[in-house]
C-alpha atoms as a PDB file:
ATOM      1  CA  UNK A   1      -0.003   0.000   0.000  1.00  0.00           C
ATOM      2  CA  UNK A   2       2.805   2.432   0.820  1.00  0.00           C
ATOM      3  CA  UNK A   3       4.881   3.962  -1.919  1.00  0.00           C
ATOM      4  CA  UNK A   4       8.665   3.621  -1.542  1.00  0.00           C
ATOM      5  CA  UNK A   5       8.985   7.387  -1.121  1.00  0.00           C
ATOM      6  CA  UNK A   6       6.094   8.418   1.097  1.00  0.00           C
ATOM      7  CA  UNK A   7       3.603   6.848   3.462  1.00  0.00           C
ATOM      8  CA  UNK A   8       0.335   8.651   2.783  1.00  0.00           C
ATOM      9  CA  UNK A   9      -1.346   9.614   6.043  1.00  0.00           C
ATOM     10  CA  UNK A  10      -4.630  11.088   7.217  1.00  0.00           C
ATOM     11  CA  UNK A  11      -5.591  12.648  10.552  1.00  0.00           C
ATOM     12  CA  UNK A  12      -9.076  12.007  11.895  1.00  0.00           C
ATOM     13  CA  UNK A  13      -9.999  14.580  14.521  1.00  0.00           C
ATOM     14  CA  UNK A  14      -8.501  18.084  14.442  1.00  0.00           C
ATOM     15  CA  UNK A  15      -8.631  19.058  18.105  1.00  0.00           C
ATOM     16  CA  UNK A  16      -5.997  19.754  20.740  1.00  0.00           C
ATOM     17  CA  UNK A  17      -3.607  16.830  20.150  1.00  0.00           C
ATOM     18  CA  UNK A  18      -3.947  16.687  16.357  1.00  0.00           C
ATOM     19  CA  UNK A  19      -1.378  19.446  15.873  1.00  0.00           C
ATOM     20  CA  UNK A  20       1.260  17.099  17.316  1.00  0.00           C
ATOM     21  CA  UNK A  21       0.286  14.527  14.703  1.00  0.00           C
ATOM     22  CA  UNK A  22       0.508  17.097  11.924  1.00  0.00           C
ATOM     23  CA  UNK A  23       3.854  18.402  13.160  1.00  0.00           C
ATOM     24  CA  UNK A  24       5.282  14.880  13.250  1.00  0.00           C
ATOM     25  CA  UNK A  25       3.983  13.951   9.811  1.00  0.00           C
ATOM     26  CA  UNK A  26       5.123  17.137   8.087  1.00  0.00           C
ATOM     27  CA  UNK A  27       8.575  16.834   9.700  1.00  0.00           C
ATOM     28  CA  UNK A  28       9.162  13.345   8.286  1.00  0.00           C
ATOM     29  CA  UNK A  29      10.439  13.001   4.715  1.00  0.00           C
ATOM     30  CA  UNK A  30       8.999   9.460   4.744  1.00  0.00           C
ATOM     31  CA  UNK A  31       5.446  10.755   5.286  1.00  0.00           C
ATOM     32  CA  UNK A  32       2.869  12.809   3.440  1.00  0.00           C
ATOM     33  CA  UNK A  33      -0.265  14.331   4.982  1.00  0.00           C
ATOM     34  CA  UNK A  34      -2.928  13.471   2.441  1.00  0.00           C
ATOM     35  CA  UNK A  35      -6.245  14.079   4.206  1.00  0.00           C
ATOM     36  CA  UNK A  36      -7.894  15.569   7.289  1.00  0.00           C
ATOM     37  CA  UNK A  37     -11.242  14.846   8.898  1.00  0.00           C
ATOM     38  CA  UNK A  38     -13.372  16.622  11.502  1.00  0.00           C
ATOM     39  CA  UNK A  39     -17.099  17.018  12.030  1.00  0.00           C
ATOM     40  CA  UNK A  40     -16.701  20.759  12.781  1.00  0.00           C
ATOM     41  CA  UNK A  41     -16.211  22.676   9.494  1.00  0.00           C
ATOM     42  CA  UNK A  42     -14.608  25.764  11.052  1.00  0.00           C
ATOM     43  CA  UNK A  43     -12.154  23.737  13.112  1.00  0.00           C
ATOM     44  CA  UNK A  44     -11.269  21.634  10.066  1.00  0.00           C
ATOM     45  CA  UNK A  45     -10.665  24.727   7.947  1.00  0.00           C
ATOM     46  CA  UNK A  46      -8.592  26.477  10.605  1.00  0.00           C
ATOM     47  CA  UNK A  47      -6.502  23.373  11.233  1.00  0.00           C
ATOM     48  CA  UNK A  48      -5.758  22.849   7.544  1.00  0.00           C
ATOM     49  CA  UNK A  49      -4.670  26.462   7.218  1.00  0.00           C
ATOM     50  CA  UNK A  50      -1.921  26.009   9.824  1.00  0.00           C
ATOM     51  CA  UNK A  51       0.153  23.628   7.706  1.00  0.00           C
ATOM     52  CA  UNK A  52       1.715  24.060   4.239  1.00  0.00           C
ATOM     53  CA  UNK A  53      -0.106  21.097   2.753  1.00  0.00           C
ATOM     54  CA  UNK A  54      -2.764  20.340   0.183  1.00  0.00           C
ATOM     55  CA  UNK A  55      -4.589  17.707   2.222  1.00  0.00           C
ATOM     56  CA  UNK A  56      -8.191  17.046   1.294  1.00  0.00           C
ATOM     57  CA  UNK A  57     -10.794  17.713   3.990  1.00  0.00           C
ATOM     58  CA  UNK A  58     -13.613  15.380   5.006  1.00  0.00           C
ATOM     59  CA  UNK A  59     -16.483  15.709   7.458  1.00  0.00           C
ATOM     60  CA  UNK A  60     -17.186  11.963   7.564  1.00  0.00           C
ATOM     61  CA  UNK A  61     -14.466   9.480   8.483  1.00  0.00           C
ATOM     62  CA  UNK A  62     -16.335   6.702   6.697  1.00  0.00           C
ATOM     63  CA  UNK A  63     -15.698   8.522   3.418  1.00  0.00           C
ATOM     64  CA  UNK A  64     -12.075   9.221   4.267  1.00  0.00           C
ATOM     65  CA  UNK A  65     -11.057   5.662   5.115  1.00  0.00           C
ATOM     66  CA  UNK A  66     -12.225   4.421   1.709  1.00  0.00           C
ATOM     67  CA  UNK A  67      -9.956   6.756  -0.232  1.00  0.00           C
ATOM     68  CA  UNK A  68      -7.395   4.678  -2.179  1.00  0.00           C
ATOM     69  CA  UNK A  69      -4.496   7.106  -1.730  1.00  0.00           C
ATOM     70  CA  UNK A  70      -4.328   6.777   2.086  1.00  0.00           C
ATOM     71  CA  UNK A  71      -2.100   4.158   3.718  1.00  0.00           C
ATOM     72  CA  UNK A  72      -2.294   5.069   7.393  1.00  0.00           C
ATOM     73  CA  UNK A  73      -4.828   6.949   9.523  1.00  0.00           C
ATOM     74  CA  UNK A  74      -4.072   8.574  12.857  1.00  0.00           C
ATOM     75  CA  UNK A  75      -7.020   8.932  15.216  1.00  0.00           C
ATOM     76  CA  UNK A  76      -7.156  12.018  17.430  1.00  0.00           C
ATOM     77  CA  UNK A  77     -10.858  12.221  18.227  1.00  0.00           C
ATOM     78  CA  UNK A  78     -12.562  12.046  21.631  1.00  0.00           C
ATOM     79  CA  UNK A  79     -11.448   8.801  23.256  1.00  0.00           C
ATOM     80  CA  UNK A  80     -14.837   7.136  23.151  1.00  0.00           C
ATOM     81  CA  UNK A  81     -14.691   7.119  19.349  1.00  0.00           C
ATOM     82  CA  UNK A  82     -11.202   5.629  18.976  1.00  0.00           C
ATOM     83  CA  UNK A  83     -12.176   1.987  18.688  1.00  0.00           C
ATOM     84  CA  UNK A  84     -15.071   2.341  16.244  1.00  0.00           C
ATOM     85  CA  UNK A  85     -13.077   4.611  13.918  1.00  0.00           C
ATOM     86  CA  UNK A  86     -10.064   2.301  14.100  1.00  0.00           C
ATOM     87  CA  UNK A  87     -12.197  -0.723  13.255  1.00  0.00           C
ATOM     88  CA  UNK A  88     -13.723   1.076  10.266  1.00  0.00           C
ATOM     89  CA  UNK A  89     -10.269   2.080   9.027  1.00  0.00           C
ATOM     90  CA  UNK A  90      -8.909  -1.448   9.416  1.00  0.00           C
ATOM     91  CA  UNK A  91     -11.863  -2.936   7.561  1.00  0.00           C
ATOM     92  CA  UNK A  92     -11.117  -0.482   4.745  1.00  0.00           C
ATOM     93  CA  UNK A  93      -7.540  -1.769   4.612  1.00  0.00           C
ATOM     94  CA  UNK A  94      -5.831   1.158   6.349  1.00  0.00           C
ATOM     95  CA  UNK A  95      -3.105   0.895   8.960  1.00  0.00           C
ATOM     96  CA  UNK A  96      -4.159   2.483  12.259  1.00  0.00           C
ATOM     97  CA  UNK A  97      -2.301   4.712  14.714  1.00  0.00           C
ATOM     98  CA  UNK A  98      -4.583   5.641  17.610  1.00  0.00           C
ATOM     99  CA  UNK A  99      -4.263   8.099  20.457  1.00  0.00           C
ATOM    100  CA  UNK A 100      -4.384   6.909  24.037  1.00  0.00           C
ATOM    101  CA  UNK A 101      -6.514   5.423  25.417  1.00  0.00           C
ATOM    102  CA  UNK A 102      -6.999   3.105  22.466  1.00  0.00           C
ATOM    103  CA  UNK A 103     -10.548   2.431  23.708  1.00  0.00           C
ATOM    104  CA  UNK A 104     -12.705   3.040  26.760  1.00  0.00           C
ATOM    105  CA  UNK A 105     -13.364  -0.628  27.513  1.00  0.00           C
ATOM    106  CA  UNK A 106     -11.330  -3.811  27.205  1.00  0.00           C
ATOM    107  CA  UNK A 107     -14.013  -5.276  24.964  1.00  0.00           C
ATOM    108  CA  UNK A 108     -13.652  -2.387  22.516  1.00  0.00           C
ATOM    109  CA  UNK A 109      -9.866  -2.609  22.666  1.00  0.00           C
ATOM    110  CA  UNK A 110      -9.988  -6.309  21.872  1.00  0.00           C
ATOM    111  CA  UNK A 111     -12.356  -5.732  18.962  1.00  0.00           C
ATOM    112  CA  UNK A 112      -9.965  -3.142  17.533  1.00  0.00           C
ATOM    113  CA  UNK A 113      -6.978  -5.475  17.920  1.00  0.00           C
ATOM    114  CA  UNK A 114      -8.922  -8.309  16.281  1.00  0.00           C
ATOM    115  CA  UNK A 115     -10.129  -6.119  13.400  1.00  0.00           C
ATOM    116  CA  UNK A 116      -6.596  -5.009  12.562  1.00  0.00           C
ATOM    117  CA  UNK A 117      -5.270  -8.551  12.803  1.00  0.00           C
ATOM    118  CA  UNK A 118      -8.047  -9.894  10.568  1.00  0.00           C
ATOM    119  CA  UNK A 119      -7.484  -7.137   7.989  1.00  0.00           C
ATOM    120  CA  UNK A 120      -3.715  -7.681   8.000  1.00  0.00           C
ATOM    121  CA  UNK A 121      -2.942  -4.072   8.931  1.00  0.00           C
ATOM    122  CA  UNK A 122      -0.688  -2.673  11.628  1.00  0.00           C
ATOM    123  CA  UNK A 123      -2.109  -1.137  14.802  1.00  0.00           C
ATOM    124  CA  UNK A 124      -0.064   1.291  16.905  1.00  0.00           C
ATOM    125  CA  UNK A 125      -0.980   3.163  20.076  1.00  0.00           C
ATOM    126  CA  UNK A 126       0.408   6.627  20.803  1.00  0.00           C
ATOM    127  CA  UNK A 127       2.412   6.488  24.019  1.00  0.00           C
ATOM    128  CA  UNK A 128       5.099   8.855  22.779  1.00  0.00           C
ATOM    129  CA  UNK A 129       6.947   9.161  26.095  1.00  0.00           C
ATOM    130  CA  UNK A 130       8.427   5.693  25.547  1.00  0.00           C
ATOM    131  CA  UNK A 131      10.624   7.405  22.947  1.00  0.00           C
ATOM    132  CA  UNK A 132      12.014  10.032  25.342  1.00  0.00           C
ATOM    133  CA  UNK A 133      15.797   9.759  25.602  1.00  0.00           C
ATOM    134  CA  UNK A 134      15.524   9.628  29.395  1.00  0.00           C
ATOM    135  CA  UNK A 135      13.025   6.779  29.257  1.00  0.00           C
ATOM    136  CA  UNK A 136      15.091   4.887  26.691  1.00  0.00           C
ATOM    137  CA  UNK A 137      18.151   5.086  28.956  1.00  0.00           C
ATOM    138  CA  UNK A 138      16.102   3.750  31.878  1.00  0.00           C
ATOM    139  CA  UNK A 139      14.763   0.915  29.780  1.00  0.00           C
ATOM    140  CA  UNK A 140      18.277  -0.032  28.665  1.00  0.00           C
ATOM    141  CA  UNK A 141      19.461  -0.134  32.285  1.00  0.00           C
ATOM    142  CA  UNK A 142      16.581  -2.444  33.168  1.00  0.00           C
ATOM    143  CA  UNK A 143      17.238  -4.765  30.235  1.00  0.00           C
ATOM    144  CA  UNK A 144      20.911  -4.926  31.239  1.00  0.00           C
ATOM    145  CA  UNK A 145      19.914  -6.032  34.744  1.00  0.00           C
ATOM    146  CA  UNK A 146      21.618  -3.100  36.404  1.00  0.00           C
ATOM    147  CA  UNK A 147      18.932  -2.623  39.064  1.00  0.00           C
ATOM    148  CA  UNK A 148      19.198  -6.164  40.373  1.00  0.00           C
ATOM    149  CA  UNK A 149      15.950  -7.071  42.069  1.00  0.00           C
ATOM    150  CA  UNK A 150      13.307  -4.377  41.581  1.00  0.00           C
ATOM    151  CA  UNK A 151      11.641  -3.258  44.807  1.00  0.00           C
ATOM    152  CA  UNK A 152       9.136  -0.546  43.940  1.00  0.00           C
ATOM    153  CA  UNK A 153       8.313   2.365  41.699  1.00  0.00           C
ATOM    154  CA  UNK A 154       5.956   5.282  41.331  1.00  0.00           C
ATOM    155  CA  UNK A 155       4.176   7.114  38.509  1.00  0.00           C
ATOM    156  CA  UNK A 156       3.189  10.655  39.477  1.00  0.00           C
ATOM    157  CA  UNK A 157       1.228  13.252  37.528  1.00  0.00           C
ATOM    158  CA  UNK A 158       0.646  16.500  39.390  1.00  0.00           C
ATOM    159  CA  UNK A 159      -1.045  18.760  36.898  1.00  0.00           C
ATOM    160  CA  UNK A 160      -3.617  21.509  36.745  1.00  0.00           C
ATOM    161  CA  UNK A 161      -6.636  21.160  34.494  1.00  0.00           C
ATOM    162  CA  UNK A 162      -9.054  23.899  35.458  1.00  0.00           C
ATOM    163  CA  UNK A 163     -12.759  24.198  34.714  1.00  0.00           C
ATOM    164  CA  UNK A 164     -12.011  26.162  31.532  1.00  0.00           C
ATOM    165  CA  UNK A 165     -10.102  23.150  30.177  1.00  0.00           C
ATOM    166  CA  UNK A 166     -13.077  20.848  30.683  1.00  0.00           C
ATOM    167  CA  UNK A 167     -15.501  23.424  29.315  1.00  0.00           C
ATOM    168  CA  UNK A 168     -13.713  23.443  25.939  1.00  0.00           C
ATOM    169  CA  UNK A 169     -15.801  20.475  24.820  1.00  0.00           C
ATOM    170  CA  UNK A 170     -18.813  18.654  26.302  1.00  0.00           C
ATOM    171  CA  UNK A 171     -17.123  15.244  26.109  1.00  0.00           C
ATOM    172  CA  UNK A 172     -14.253  16.150  28.435  1.00  0.00           C
ATOM    173  CA  UNK A 173     -14.380  14.444  31.803  1.00  0.00           C
ATOM    174  CA  UNK A 174     -17.272  12.157  30.841  1.00  0.00           C
ATOM    175  CA  UNK A 175     -17.366   8.440  31.504  1.00  0.00           C
ATOM    176  CA  UNK A 176     -18.198   7.381  27.962  1.00  0.00           C
ATOM    177  CA  UNK A 177     -15.955   9.686  25.955  1.00  0.00           C
ATOM    178  CA  UNK A 178     -12.985  10.697  28.123  1.00  0.00           C
ATOM    179  CA  UNK A 179     -12.608   9.338  31.644  1.00  0.00           C
ATOM    180  CA  UNK A 180     -10.838  11.338  34.325  1.00  0.00           C
ATOM    181  CA  UNK A 181      -7.269  12.225  35.186  1.00  0.00           C
ATOM    182  CA  UNK A 182      -6.182   8.586  35.198  1.00  0.00           C
ATOM    183  CA  UNK A 183      -7.545   7.776  31.750  1.00  0.00           C
ATOM    184  CA  UNK A 184      -6.753  11.065  30.041  1.00  0.00           C
ATOM    185  CA  UNK A 185      -3.621  12.534  31.623  1.00  0.00           C
ATOM    186  CA  UNK A 186      -1.918   9.848  33.742  1.00  0.00           C
ATOM    187  CA  UNK A 187      -2.273   6.965  31.287  1.00  0.00           C
ATOM    188  CA  UNK A 188       1.077   7.826  29.655  1.00  0.00           C
ATOM    189  CA  UNK A 189       2.930   7.505  32.940  1.00  0.00           C
ATOM    190  CA  UNK A 190       0.995   4.391  33.938  1.00  0.00           C
ATOM    191  CA  UNK A 191       2.104   2.890  30.635  1.00  0.00           C
ATOM    192  CA  UNK A 192       5.727   3.644  31.493  1.00  0.00           C
ATOM    193  CA  UNK A 193       5.416   2.171  34.993  1.00  0.00           C
ATOM    194  CA  UNK A 194       4.037  -1.145  33.749  1.00  0.00           C
ATOM    195  CA  UNK A 195       6.538  -1.204  30.852  1.00  0.00           C
ATOM    196  CA  UNK A 196       9.381  -0.997  33.341  1.00  0.00           C
ATOM    197  CA  UNK A 197       8.060  -3.407  35.968  1.00  0.00           C
ATOM    198  CA  UNK A 198       6.169  -5.952  33.886  1.00  0.00           C
ATOM    199  CA  UNK A 199       2.830  -7.679  34.403  1.00  0.00           C
ATOM    200  CA  UNK A 200       0.536  -6.539  37.206  1.00  0.00           C
ATOM    201  CA  UNK A 201      -1.048  -9.177  39.441  1.00  0.00           C
ATOM    202  CA  UNK A 202      -3.282  -7.023  41.652  1.00  0.00           C
ATOM    203  CA  UNK A 203      -4.573  -3.447  41.905  1.00  0.00           C
ATOM    204  CA  UNK A 204      -6.194  -1.434  44.664  1.00  0.00           C
ATOM    205  CA  UNK A 205      -7.115   2.196  44.302  1.00  0.00           C
ATOM    206  CA  UNK A 206      -9.342   5.111  45.113  1.00  0.00           C
ATOM    207  CA  UNK A 207     -10.616   7.918  42.927  1.00  0.00           C
ATOM    208  CA  UNK A 208     -12.300  11.173  43.866  1.00  0.00           C
ATOM    209  CA  UNK A 209     -14.046  14.077  42.209  1.00  0.00           C
ATOM    210  CA  UNK A 210     -12.942  16.972  44.404  1.00  0.00           C
ATOM    211  CA  UNK A 211     -12.723  20.275  42.554  1.00  0.00           C
ATOM    212  CA  UNK A 212     -13.566  19.974  38.860  1.00  0.00           C
ATOM    213  CA  UNK A 213     -17.135  19.988  37.578  1.00  0.00           C
ATOM    214  CA  UNK A 214     -16.812  16.690  35.703  1.00  0.00           C
ATOM    215  CA  UNK A 215     -18.370  13.251  35.787  1.00  0.00           C
ATOM    216  CA  UNK A 216     -15.120  11.363  36.437  1.00  0.00           C
ATOM    217  CA  UNK A 217     -12.188  11.702  38.843  1.00  0.00           C
ATOM    218  CA  UNK A 218      -9.859  14.654  39.206  1.00  0.00           C
ATOM    219  CA  UNK A 219      -7.673  12.719  41.700  1.00  0.00           C
ATOM    220  CA  UNK A 220      -6.681   9.043  41.639  1.00  0.00           C
ATOM    221  CA  UNK A 221      -4.385   6.986  43.880  1.00  0.00           C
ATOM    222  CA  UNK A 222      -3.542   3.298  43.430  1.00  0.00           C
ATOM    223  CA  UNK A 223      -1.185   0.585  44.657  1.00  0.00           C
ATOM    224  CA  UNK A 224      -0.016  -2.204  42.346  1.00  0.00           C
ATOM    225  CA  UNK A 225       1.652  -5.540  42.902  1.00  0.00           C
ATOM    226  CA  UNK A 226       3.728  -6.813  39.991  1.00  0.00           C
ATOM    227  CA  UNK A 227       4.413 -10.421  39.053  1.00  0.00           C
ATOM    228  CA  UNK A 228       8.078  -9.985  39.985  1.00  0.00           C
ATOM    229  CA  UNK A 229       7.063  -9.064  43.546  1.00  0.00           C
ATOM    230  CA  UNK A 230       7.750  -5.328  43.228  1.00  0.00           C
ATOM    231  CA  UNK A 231       5.191  -2.770  44.356  1.00  0.00           C
ATOM    232  CA  UNK A 232       4.012   0.311  42.515  1.00  0.00           C
ATOM    233  CA  UNK A 233       2.203   3.525  43.369  1.00  0.00           C
ATOM    234  CA  UNK A 234       0.177   5.697  41.016  1.00  0.00           C
ATOM    235  CA  UNK A 235      -0.653   9.279  41.974  1.00  0.00           C
ATOM    236  CA  UNK A 236      -2.618  11.380  39.517  1.00  0.00           C
ATOM    237  CA  UNK A 237      -4.220  14.777  40.011  1.00  0.00           C
ATOM    238  CA  UNK A 238      -5.696  17.469  37.776  1.00  0.00           C
ATOM    239  CA  UNK A 239      -6.249  19.725  40.809  1.00  0.00           C
ATOM    240  CA  UNK A 240      -2.739  21.031  41.493  1.00  0.00           C
ATOM    241  CA  UNK A 241      -2.656  24.728  42.325  1.00  0.00           C
ATOM    242  CA  UNK A 242      -1.927  26.904  40.455  1.00  0.00           C
ATOM    243  CA  UNK A 243      -0.246  25.104  37.531  1.00  0.00           C
ATOM    244  CA  UNK A 244       1.418  21.850  36.458  1.00  0.00           C
ATOM    245  CA  UNK A 245       4.236  20.811  38.796  1.00  0.00           C
ATOM    246  CA  UNK A 246       5.584  17.516  37.505  1.00  0.00           C
ATOM    247  CA  UNK A 247       5.251  14.222  35.723  1.00  0.00           C
ATOM    248  CA  UNK A 248       7.651  11.819  37.408  1.00  0.00           C
ATOM    249  CA  UNK A 249       8.632   8.176  37.061  1.00  0.00           C
ATOM    250  CA  UNK A 250      10.594   6.478  39.870  1.00  0.00           C
ATOM    251  CA  UNK A 251      12.247   3.057  39.619  1.00  0.00           C
ATOM    252  CA  UNK A 252      14.093   1.519  42.577  1.00  0.00           C
ATOM    253  CA  UNK A 253      16.005  -1.751  42.946  1.00  0.00           C
ATOM    254  CA  UNK A 254      18.668  -3.360  45.094  1.00  0.00           C
ATOM    255  CA  UNK A 255      21.487  -1.874  42.992  1.00  0.00           C
ATOM    256  CA  UNK A 256      19.931   1.159  41.340  1.00  0.00           C
ATOM    257  CA  UNK A 257      17.720   4.226  41.730  1.00  0.00           C
ATOM    258  CA  UNK A 258      16.417   6.321  38.831  1.00  0.00           C
ATOM    259  CA  UNK A 259      14.034   9.247  38.959  1.00  0.00           C
ATOM    260  CA  UNK A 260      12.866  10.901  35.747  1.00  0.00           C
ATOM    261  CA  UNK A 261      10.994  14.180  36.021  1.00  0.00           C
ATOM    262  CA  UNK A 262      10.477  17.296  33.991  1.00  0.00           C
ATOM    263  CA  UNK A 263       7.250  18.430  32.427  1.00  0.00           C
ATOM    264  CA  UNK A 264       7.012  15.351  30.193  1.00  0.00           C
ATOM    265  CA  UNK A 265       9.106  12.624  31.891  1.00  0.00           C
ATOM    266  CA  UNK A 266      12.002  14.066  29.924  1.00  0.00           C
ATOM    267  CA  UNK A 267      14.702  14.939  32.465  1.00  0.00           C
ATOM    268  CA  UNK A 268      16.749  12.522  34.586  1.00  0.00           C
ATOM    269  CA  UNK A 269      16.923  13.837  38.149  1.00  0.00           C
ATOM    270  CA  UNK A 270      18.545  10.809  39.819  1.00  0.00           C
ATOM    271  CA  UNK A 271      20.762   8.176  38.214  1.00  0.00           C
ATOM    272  CA  UNK A 272      22.431   5.960  40.817  1.00  0.00           C
ATOM    273  CA  UNK A 273      24.246   2.717  40.085  1.00  0.00           C
ATOM    274  CA  UNK A 274      27.551   1.331  41.342  1.00  0.00           C
ATOM    275  CA  UNK A 275      30.461   3.166  39.676  1.00  0.00           C
ATOM    276  CA  UNK A 276      28.107   5.484  37.770  1.00  0.00           C
ATOM    277  CA  UNK A 277      29.883   8.787  38.466  1.00  0.00           C
ATOM    278  CA  UNK A 278      31.271   9.297  34.948  1.00  0.00           C
ATOM    279  CA  UNK A 279      28.035   8.146  33.420  1.00  0.00           C
ATOM    280  CA  UNK A 280      26.101  10.610  35.570  1.00  0.00           C
ATOM    281  CA  UNK A 281      28.239  13.493  34.354  1.00  0.00           C
ATOM    282  CA  UNK A 282      27.610  12.545  30.729  1.00  0.00           C
ATOM    283  CA  UNK A 283      23.871  12.110  31.231  1.00  0.00           C
ATOM    284  CA  UNK A 284      23.324  15.358  33.105  1.00  0.00           C
ATOM    285  CA  UNK A 285      25.512  17.329  30.692  1.00  0.00           C
ATOM    286  CA  UNK A 286      23.714  16.031  27.602  1.00  0.00           C
ATOM    287  CA  UNK A 287      20.107  16.561  28.664  1.00  0.00           C
ATOM    288  CA  UNK A 288      18.102  18.679  26.256  1.00  0.00           C
ATOM    289  CA  UNK A 289      15.921  21.611  27.206  1.00  0.00           C
ATOM    290  CA  UNK A 290      12.388  20.962  28.360  1.00  0.00           C
ATOM    291  CA  UNK A 291       9.820  20.535  25.568  1.00  0.00           C
ATOM    292  CA  UNK A 292       7.354  23.397  25.007  1.00  0.00           C
ATOM    293  CA  UNK A 293       4.464  21.417  26.482  1.00  0.00           C
ATOM    294  CA  UNK A 294       3.544  18.197  28.281  1.00  0.00           C
ATOM    295  CA  UNK A 295       3.348  16.261  25.009  1.00  0.00           C
ATOM    296  CA  UNK A 296       7.142  16.102  24.829  1.00  0.00           C
ATOM    297  CA  UNK A 297       9.361  15.327  21.856  1.00  0.00           C
ATOM    298  CA  UNK A 298       8.406  11.706  21.173  1.00  0.00           C
ATOM    299  CA  UNK A 299       5.749  11.937  18.476  1.00  0.00           C
ATOM    300  CA  UNK A 300       8.105  12.175  15.500  1.00  0.00           C
ATOM    301  CA  UNK A 301      10.053   9.068  16.530  1.00  0.00           C
ATOM    302  CA  UNK A 302       6.871   7.155  17.254  1.00  0.00           C
ATOM    303  CA  UNK A 303       5.391   8.055  13.863  1.00  0.00           C
ATOM    304  CA  UNK A 304       8.639   7.110  12.149  1.00  0.00           C
ATOM    305  CA  UNK A 305       8.635   3.732  13.895  1.00  0.00           C
ATOM    306  CA  UNK A 306       5.055   3.140  12.715  1.00  0.00           C
ATOM    307  CA  UNK A 307       6.005   3.956   9.115  1.00  0.00           C
ATOM    308  CA  UNK A 308       8.993   1.619   9.306  1.00  0.00           C
ATOM    309  CA  UNK A 309       6.836  -1.130  10.817  1.00  0.00           C
ATOM    310  CA  UNK A 310       4.466  -0.914   7.865  1.00  0.00           C
ATOM    311  CA  UNK A 311       7.309  -0.993   5.332  1.00  0.00           C
ATOM    312  CA  UNK A 312       9.096  -3.850   7.108  1.00  0.00           C
ATOM    313  CA  UNK A 313       5.897  -5.788   7.788  1.00  0.00           C
ATOM    314  CA  UNK A 314       6.619  -5.963  11.518  1.00  0.00           C
ATOM    315  CA  UNK A 315       4.801  -4.964  14.660  1.00  0.00           C
ATOM    316  CA  UNK A 316       5.271  -1.331  15.744  1.00  0.00           C
ATOM    317  CA  UNK A 317       7.024  -0.544  19.000  1.00  0.00           C
ATOM    318  CA  UNK A 318       3.701  -0.026  20.787  1.00  0.00           C
ATOM    319  CA  UNK A 319       1.121  -2.379  19.236  1.00  0.00           C
ATOM    320  CA  UNK A 320      -2.458  -2.709  20.383  1.00  0.00           C
ATOM    321  CA  UNK A 321      -1.605  -5.412  22.878  1.00  0.00           C
ATOM    322  CA  UNK A 322       0.809  -3.016  24.604  1.00  0.00           C
ATOM    323  CA  UNK A 323      -1.631  -0.109  24.555  1.00  0.00           C
ATOM    324  CA  UNK A 324      -4.227  -2.346  26.199  1.00  0.00           C
ATOM    325  CA  UNK A 325      -2.112  -2.865  29.333  1.00  0.00           C
ATOM    326  CA  UNK A 326      -2.372   0.637  30.800  1.00  0.00           C
ATOM    327  CA  UNK A 327      -6.079   0.696  29.938  1.00  0.00           C
ATOM    328  CA  UNK A 328      -6.601  -2.520  31.912  1.00  0.00           C
ATOM    329  CA  UNK A 329      -4.858  -1.067  34.975  1.00  0.00           C
ATOM    330  CA  UNK A 330      -6.984   2.079  34.919  1.00  0.00           C
ATOM    331  CA  UNK A 331     -10.220   0.160  34.515  1.00  0.00           C
ATOM    332  CA  UNK A 332      -9.163  -2.007  37.468  1.00  0.00           C
ATOM    333  CA  UNK A 333      -8.705   1.161  39.580  1.00  0.00           C
ATOM    334  CA  UNK A 334     -12.209   2.267  38.577  1.00  0.00           C
ATOM    335  CA  UNK A 335     -13.528  -1.163  39.556  1.00  0.00           C
ATOM    336  CA  UNK A 336     -11.832  -0.860  42.963  1.00  0.00           C
ATOM    337  CA  UNK A 337     -13.499   2.476  43.559  1.00  0.00           C
ATOM    338  CA  UNK A 338     -16.898   0.915  42.903  1.00  0.00           C
ATOM    339  CA  UNK A 339     -16.398  -2.286  44.913  1.00  0.00           C
ATOM    340  CA  UNK A 340     -13.929  -1.295  47.607  1.00  0.00           C
ATOM    341  CA  UNK A 341     -12.062  -4.509  46.878  1.00  0.00           C
ATOM    342  CA  UNK A 342      -8.713  -5.292  45.229  1.00  0.00           C
ATOM    343  CA  UNK A 343      -8.802  -6.467  41.636  1.00  0.00           C
ATOM    344  CA  UNK A 344      -6.771  -9.517  40.626  1.00  0.00           C
ATOM    345  CA  UNK A 345      -5.324  -9.178  37.134  1.00  0.00           C
ATOM    346  CA  UNK A 346      -4.771 -11.758  34.414  1.00  0.00           C
ATOM    347  CA  UNK A 347      -1.037 -12.020  33.745  1.00  0.00           C
END
């Protein structure tokens, strides 16, 4: 489907996050932005005007996915629409790259995974922070066994999302279309925590709706037990006064301690291993400036990996099965809040 020169791409949904998709696509010589889709004509027109492209505009994604000159669609709509749009695209023979969360239920996630598998197309989930240099260094240290036995870790998101943020669109903060701070904001960091520590065996958590006028939680706290015996803590809040403070990932083991902070899990704050003094100096000296926003720098590398996966007929770095894992943890936290009981996970 892809030409040797360009992978022809379309963006479905032209809201807040779609500009990151467009920036990544237009920055890649391997990609071409061929089409855009949004149900709001003014938003679609304004979005198209921001980029030096000649992409066709569609109001109906069903029409877009049947265009023969599109290889890959990226889905940046409200979360509750991700699965149904992805399934329609797969059935039309398009590769699918979907924003987090890939679906709002495990059933919908599984249907999307199955549809892509049946159609023989690739499915990728956008967890761009896995491509941060800081996160890649941490992952390499884990794979090299430098931590020894892992003991515990923490994923922390202390952000501010005020009422004006939720009032931008009626779907924000709703159960069916968005979820709360865990599903919308903290899911990236939850993905990183489980990627580092491995399968989760049990979850217990609480959620609360304290300050924001939304249906779902603006604060969530959870404790995880991993299959390797390590423990994990998730802290997520959209209520931090007066602005975002941090997004932090902590990993601790018998021979190592790493803390990654910054506004987008982009800056190593602690890097402790035996005989790591020279390495520390190199790491701290080479760290780039903070990104301009919480979305970080990872989209371009993630999109490039997806294009290469299609051309090489391999799974992308973050396939549907990987994107499903953080979703399962969050839904387990929601189930704990309803039942007051721990949730045992399938590993």
